[in-house]
Amino acid sequence: MTKSVLISIVLFTAFTLNLAAQRNRDKRNDRSTRVVTIYEEGAKTEVSVPGIKVEVDDFNDTITKITIGSRRFEVIEDHNRSRVRMVRIPIDRFKGHWAGFELGFNGYMSSGFSTSLPADAQFMDLNQGKAVTVGINFLQYNIGLQRYKNNLGLVVGSGLTWYNYRTDKPYYFERDPETGSTIGVPVPDSKAVTKNKIMSAFLNFPLLLEWQLPATEDRHRFFISAGPYCGFRLWGHTKMAYHEGGSRHKEKSKKDININPFQYGAMVRVGYRFIKLYGTYNFSTLYTNGGGPELHPYTIGMTLISF
């Protein structure tokens, strides 16, 4: 089989298999170019276009291999006769996007998805630029949902997340001795508050359905995933920094201020190559039922390092 004939076979096969797709791309004015790659070494020649590869080796019993997608057709010469066999190529397993180190910004909404705080929650007004979330998603398990592809699957895992709700407002976070609900108690004027925040650490567990495109390639895919998640509070504290009498002071407290020990909500993750963004919204409230203002936390951030 001459190399010119080989190249003709590859190009004709590529044209036949992709004719419909090319027509659709023409309608969308797609100007992408398919590149033919030819590699030669001794008696071995490889010719490939995206999705198709033909290999010819005159010194091997398997003289020709034609790979199309997940199938490979092998032409074998054995005892003065030729035969063709089909081999299904194992595909890489589905791998989602969860594990990694991420950084985000916190916020919360009142009922009706409003960002305006109700009258009883003014002491919770955030310093938005410094209300930061830090997460380490250390465990990931991937479940592929396709037999012959690897671009759709479920992602489950676990991660540790620190939520910092920084207000910088001159209020102590206290429980009302009569109602037990968390309220803001004004700080004396002699204390100039410079930092005031609530920190909570949660162990989170997501269940995400992820879709990756294009399906024919494993690298440089766009992905989008969404699904529910839940978390359990491990520890937390409040912290205030202030100036008084010319000196800087810090107060840290681990007392119970009715922070919800359990959270649940929805998560969306989207990305391409090194850009990986995520967002979460809690259906649960920051405080326990009746334990404080009705606020639903949310987070917007990005994955800085993937594991």
Protein backbone atom coordinates (compact mmCIF):
# COMPACT_ATOMS: atom_id res chain seq x y z
CA MET A 1 0.00 0.00 0.00
CA THR A 2 1.63 3.26 -1.12
CA LYS A 3 1.63 6.32 1.06
CA SER A 4 -0.35 8.32 -1.49
CA VAL A 5 -3.10 5.68 -1.43
CA LEU A 6 -2.99 5.66 2.36
CA ILE A 7 -3.44 9.42 2.53
CA SER A 8 -6.32 9.24 0.06
CA ILE A 9 -8.07 6.59 2.17
CA VAL A 10 -7.74 8.68 5.33
CA LEU A 11 -9.00 11.86 3.72
CA PHE A 12 -11.93 10.12 2.05
CA THR A 13 -12.90 8.40 5.31
CA ALA A 14 -12.65 11.66 7.25
CA PHE A 15 -14.79 13.43 4.68
CA THR A 16 -17.46 10.70 4.71
CA LEU A 17 -17.71 10.45 8.49
CA ASN A 18 -17.78 14.18 9.13
CA LEU A 19 -19.82 15.46 6.19
CA ALA A 20 -22.94 16.18 8.23
CA ALA A 21 -20.96 17.91 10.97
CA GLN A 22 -19.14 20.06 8.41
CA ARG A 23 -22.43 21.13 6.84
CA ASN A 24 -23.72 22.21 10.23
CA ARG A 25 -20.54 24.14 10.93
CA ASP A 26 -20.77 25.84 7.54
CA LYS A 27 -24.23 27.03 8.45
CA ARG A 28 -22.79 28.56 11.60
CA ASN A 29 -19.90 30.13 9.61
CA ASP A 30 -17.35 28.02 11.46
CA ARG A 31 -13.93 28.65 9.92
CA SER A 32 -11.99 26.01 11.91
CA THR A 33 -9.44 23.96 9.91
CA ARG A 34 -8.85 20.24 10.10
CA VAL A 35 -5.14 19.42 10.04
CA VAL A 36 -3.66 16.29 8.45
CA THR A 37 -0.64 14.96 10.35
CA ILE A 38 1.85 12.54 8.73
CA TYR A 39 4.54 10.74 10.72
CA GLU A 40 7.14 8.39 9.21
CA GLU A 41 9.79 6.24 10.86
CA GLY A 42 11.41 3.40 8.94
CA ALA A 43 8.71 1.10 7.59
CA LYS A 44 6.05 2.70 9.80
CA THR A 45 3.76 5.47 8.64
CA GLU A 46 0.97 7.24 10.54
CA VAL A 47 -1.59 9.58 8.99
CA SER A 48 -4.20 11.27 11.15
CA VAL A 49 -6.89 13.91 11.16
CA PRO A 50 -8.97 14.82 14.22
CA GLY A 51 -10.87 11.70 15.28
CA ILE A 52 -9.23 9.34 12.75
CA LYS A 53 -5.79 7.72 12.57
CA VAL A 54 -4.33 5.19 10.14
CA GLU A 55 -1.10 3.29 10.92
CA VAL A 56 0.80 1.13 8.41
CA ASP A 57 3.76 -1.05 9.42
CA ASP A 58 5.23 -3.31 6.72
CA PHE A 59 7.35 -5.24 9.23
CA ASN A 60 4.48 -6.19 11.54
CA ASP A 61 1.85 -8.90 11.22
CA THR A 62 -0.73 -6.20 11.84
CA ILE A 63 0.06 -4.22 8.74
CA THR A 64 -2.69 -1.62 9.04
CA LYS A 65 -4.60 -0.06 11.95
CA ILE A 66 -7.50 2.31 11.31
CA THR A 67 -8.73 4.05 14.45
CA ILE A 68 -12.08 5.88 14.36
CA GLY A 69 -13.29 7.21 17.70
CA SER A 70 -13.36 4.35 20.20
CA ARG A 71 -13.02 1.61 17.55
CA ARG A 72 -9.89 0.33 15.86
CA PHE A 73 -9.90 -1.89 12.75
CA GLU A 74 -6.78 -4.02 12.35
CA VAL A 75 -5.71 -5.66 9.06
CA ILE A 76 -3.66 -8.75 9.94
CA GLU A 77 -1.57 -10.92 7.60
CA ASP A 78 -1.36 -14.46 8.97
CA HIS A 79 -0.21 -17.60 7.08
CA ASN A 80 -0.54 -16.06 3.62
CA ARG A 81 -4.01 -14.72 4.29
CA SER A 82 -5.43 -11.44 5.45
CA ARG A 83 -8.16 -10.83 7.97
CA VAL A 84 -9.74 -7.84 9.68
CA ARG A 85 -10.64 -7.59 13.34
CA MET A 86 -12.28 -4.81 15.31
CA VAL A 87 -10.92 -3.77 18.70
CA ARG A 88 -12.72 -1.42 21.07
CA ILE A 89 -10.28 1.05 22.59
CA PRO A 90 -10.68 1.56 26.35
CA ILE A 91 -11.42 5.18 27.13
CA ASP A 92 -10.12 7.12 30.08
CA ARG A 93 -12.38 7.20 33.08
CA PHE A 94 -14.58 10.19 33.78
CA LYS A 95 -12.92 12.73 36.07
CA GLY A 96 -14.82 15.66 37.53
CA HIS A 97 -13.77 18.99 39.01
CA TRP A 98 -14.10 19.25 42.77
CA ALA A 99 -10.80 18.52 44.53
CA GLY A 100 -8.58 21.55 45.01
CA PHE A 101 -7.89 24.74 46.93
CA GLU A 102 -10.45 27.50 46.44
CA LEU A 103 -11.07 31.07 47.49
CA GLY A 104 -14.34 32.98 47.48
CA PHE A 105 -16.39 35.82 48.91
CA ASN A 106 -19.37 35.50 51.23
CA GLY A 107 -22.71 37.18 51.33
CA TYR A 108 -26.24 36.49 52.40
CA MET A 109 -29.76 37.19 51.27
CA SER A 110 -32.93 37.71 53.20
CA SER A 111 -36.23 36.05 52.27
CA GLY A 112 -37.24 36.54 48.64
CA PHE A 113 -33.59 36.55 47.45
CA SER A 114 -33.19 40.15 48.52
CA THR A 115 -29.73 41.55 49.30
CA SER A 116 -31.28 44.25 51.50
CA LEU A 117 -30.99 43.40 55.18
CA PRO A 118 -34.13 43.52 57.34
CA ALA A 119 -34.29 45.95 60.26
CA ASP A 120 -33.33 43.28 62.81
CA ALA A 121 -30.18 42.35 60.83
CA GLN A 122 -28.45 45.70 60.35
CA PHE A 123 -25.71 44.65 62.76
CA MET A 124 -24.85 41.89 60.22
CA ASP A 125 -24.03 44.31 57.38
CA LEU A 126 -20.90 42.83 55.75
CA ASN A 127 -17.62 44.36 54.72
CA GLN A 128 -18.07 42.58 51.38
CA GLY A 129 -14.49 42.85 50.19
CA LYS A 130 -13.15 41.15 53.33
CA ALA A 131 -15.85 38.51 53.87
CA VAL A 132 -13.74 35.65 52.57
CA THR A 133 -14.24 31.90 52.20
CA VAL A 134 -11.29 29.49 52.05
CA GLY A 135 -11.83 25.85 51.10
CA ILE A 136 -9.74 22.69 50.76
CA ASN A 137 -11.64 19.99 48.88
CA PHE A 138 -9.50 17.00 49.74
CA LEU A 139 -11.64 14.02 48.69
CA GLN A 140 -13.23 13.31 45.30
CA TYR A 141 -14.93 10.25 43.84
CA ASN A 142 -15.97 10.09 40.17
CA ILE A 143 -18.84 8.03 38.76
CA GLY A 144 -19.01 7.86 34.97
CA LEU A 145 -22.51 7.58 33.51
CA GLN A 146 -21.54 6.51 29.96
CA ARG A 147 -20.20 3.28 28.55
CA TYR A 148 -18.16 4.54 25.63
CA LYS A 149 -17.57 8.17 26.57
CA ASN A 150 -16.14 9.95 29.57
CA ASN A 151 -17.69 13.41 29.53
CA LEU A 152 -20.77 12.90 31.75
CA GLY A 153 -20.79 11.71 35.33
CA LEU A 154 -21.41 12.26 39.01
CA VAL A 155 -18.93 13.81 41.41
CA VAL A 156 -19.10 13.20 45.15
CA GLY A 157 -16.53 14.16 47.73
CA SER A 158 -15.72 16.09 50.83
CA GLY A 159 -14.10 19.40 51.69
CA LEU A 160 -13.28 21.64 54.63
CA THR A 161 -14.42 25.26 54.28
CA TRP A 162 -13.83 28.29 56.50
CA TYR A 163 -16.51 31.00 56.22
CA ASN A 164 -15.58 34.47 57.49
CA TYR A 165 -18.53 36.87 57.86
CA ARG A 166 -16.74 40.14 58.48
CA THR A 167 -18.93 43.07 59.48
CA ASP A 168 -16.56 45.66 61.05
CA LYS A 169 -19.65 47.05 62.80
CA PRO A 170 -19.47 48.25 66.45
CA TYR A 171 -21.67 45.45 67.79
CA TYR A 172 -21.13 42.41 69.96
CA PHE A 173 -22.87 39.24 68.82
CA GLU A 174 -24.94 38.25 71.85
CA ARG A 175 -27.95 36.11 72.67
CA ASP A 176 -30.92 38.08 73.99
CA PRO A 177 -31.41 36.90 77.60
CA GLU A 178 -35.18 37.02 77.16
CA THR A 179 -35.76 35.52 73.70
CA GLY A 180 -32.50 33.59 73.21
CA SER A 181 -32.18 35.08 69.71
CA THR A 182 -28.87 36.53 68.51
CA ILE A 183 -28.81 40.33 68.44
CA GLY A 184 -26.27 43.08 68.02
CA VAL A 185 -25.26 44.76 71.29
CA PRO A 186 -23.59 48.17 70.75
CA VAL A 187 -19.93 48.45 71.68
CA PRO A 188 -19.04 51.37 74.03
CA ASP A 189 -17.92 54.51 72.20
CA SER A 190 -14.51 54.28 73.88
CA LYS A 191 -13.72 51.27 71.66
CA ALA A 192 -12.95 52.08 68.02
CA VAL A 193 -13.75 48.82 66.23
CA THR A 194 -11.47 47.94 63.29
CA LYS A 195 -12.43 44.31 62.74
CA ASN A 196 -15.46 42.27 63.70
CA LYS A 197 -16.37 38.87 62.28
CA ILE A 198 -18.01 35.48 62.69
CA MET A 199 -15.97 32.46 61.59
CA SER A 200 -17.45 29.01 61.02
CA ALA A 201 -15.70 25.89 59.71
CA PHE A 202 -17.86 23.32 57.89
CA LEU A 203 -17.20 19.86 56.49
CA ASN A 204 -19.10 19.85 53.18
CA PHE A 205 -20.32 17.00 50.96
CA PRO A 206 -21.42 17.69 47.35
CA LEU A 207 -23.33 15.55 44.84
CA LEU A 208 -22.75 17.08 41.41
CA LEU A 209 -23.79 16.12 37.89
CA GLU A 210 -21.00 17.24 35.55
CA TRP A 211 -21.01 17.61 31.76
CA GLN A 212 -17.83 18.21 29.78
CA LEU A 213 -17.47 19.45 26.18
CA PRO A 214 -16.31 18.51 23.61
CA ALA A 215 -16.95 14.82 24.19
CA THR A 216 -14.29 13.69 21.71
CA GLU A 217 -11.32 15.14 23.62
CA ASP A 218 -10.01 14.61 27.14
CA ARG A 219 -7.99 17.81 27.42
CA HIS A 220 -9.04 21.45 27.45
CA ARG A 221 -12.72 20.76 27.94
CA PHE A 222 -15.33 23.22 29.06
CA PHE A 223 -17.25 21.82 32.02
CA ILE A 224 -20.36 22.69 33.99
CA SER A 225 -21.64 20.87 37.06
CA ALA A 226 -24.52 21.45 39.45
CA GLY A 227 -26.21 19.73 42.34
CA PRO A 228 -26.99 19.77 46.06
CA TYR A 229 -24.55 19.82 48.92
CA CYS A 230 -24.69 19.70 52.70
CA GLY A 231 -22.29 20.44 55.51
CA PHE A 232 -21.73 20.02 59.24
CA ARG A 233 -20.24 22.74 61.41
CA LEU A 234 -17.05 21.64 63.16
CA TRP A 235 -16.08 24.75 65.11
CA GLY A 236 -16.32 28.52 65.06
CA HIS A 237 -15.82 31.75 66.96
CA THR A 238 -16.38 35.49 66.92
CA LYS A 239 -13.48 37.92 66.88
CA MET A 240 -13.27 41.67 67.38
CA ALA A 241 -10.29 44.03 67.12
CA TYR A 242 -10.47 47.60 68.41
CA HIS A 243 -8.41 50.54 69.63
CA GLU A 244 -8.86 51.87 73.13
CA GLY A 245 -6.67 54.18 75.16
CA GLY A 246 -4.03 54.30 72.43
CA SER A 247 -3.64 50.50 72.37
CA ARG A 248 -4.93 47.79 70.05
CA HIS A 249 -6.96 44.99 71.60
CA LYS A 250 -8.52 41.72 70.41
CA GLU A 251 -11.43 39.80 71.83
CA LYS A 252 -12.20 36.22 70.74
CA SER A 253 -15.19 34.21 71.90
CA LYS A 254 -16.41 30.65 71.27
CA LYS A 255 -19.76 31.08 72.98
CA ASP A 256 -22.91 29.84 71.27
CA ILE A 257 -24.61 32.54 69.19
CA ASN A 258 -27.08 30.18 67.45
CA ILE A 259 -25.05 29.56 64.28
CA ASN A 260 -26.75 26.71 62.41
CA PRO A 261 -24.78 23.46 62.94
CA PHE A 262 -26.05 22.07 59.61
CA GLN A 263 -26.23 23.68 56.18
CA TYR A 264 -27.61 22.56 52.85
CA GLY A 265 -28.06 24.19 49.48
CA ALA A 266 -27.21 24.13 45.78
CA MET A 267 -23.87 24.46 44.03
CA VAL A 268 -22.84 25.33 40.46
CA ARG A 269 -19.31 24.98 39.07
CA VAL A 270 -18.11 26.02 35.61
CA GLY A 271 -14.71 26.29 33.98
CA TYR A 272 -12.32 26.02 31.09
CA ARG A 273 -8.66 25.10 31.47
CA PHE A 274 -7.22 27.05 34.44
CA ILE A 275 -10.36 29.18 34.95
CA LYS A 276 -12.69 27.36 37.36
CA LEU A 277 -15.51 29.31 39.03
CA TYR A 278 -18.14 28.21 41.52
CA GLY A 279 -21.17 29.52 43.35
CA THR A 280 -23.26 28.24 46.24
CA TYR A 281 -26.56 29.23 47.81
CA ASN A 282 -27.86 27.91 51.13
CA PHE A 283 -31.49 26.94 51.49
CA SER A 284 -30.71 26.69 55.19
CA THR A 285 -30.25 29.87 57.23
CA LEU A 286 -27.11 31.21 58.91
CA TYR A 287 -28.78 31.08 62.31
CA THR A 288 -30.98 28.33 63.69
CA ASN A 289 -34.74 28.69 63.27
CA GLY A 290 -35.76 31.63 65.45
CA GLY A 291 -32.17 32.01 66.65
CA GLY A 292 -31.42 35.20 64.73
CA PRO A 293 -32.20 37.18 61.56
CA GLU A 294 -33.35 35.05 58.62
CA LEU A 295 -30.30 35.15 56.36
CA HIS A 296 -29.36 32.67 53.62
CA PRO A 297 -25.59 32.58 52.93
CA TYR A 298 -24.10 32.41 49.45
CA THR A 299 -20.54 32.23 48.12
CA ILE A 300 -18.93 33.15 44.80
CA GLY A 301 -15.36 32.12 44.14
CA MET A 302 -12.80 30.25 42.07
CA THR A 303 -10.54 27.22 42.33
CA LEU A 304 -6.92 28.35 42.54
CA ILE A 305 -5.24 24.92 42.58
CA SER A 306 -6.78 21.65 41.37
CA PHE A 307 -5.80 18.31 42.88
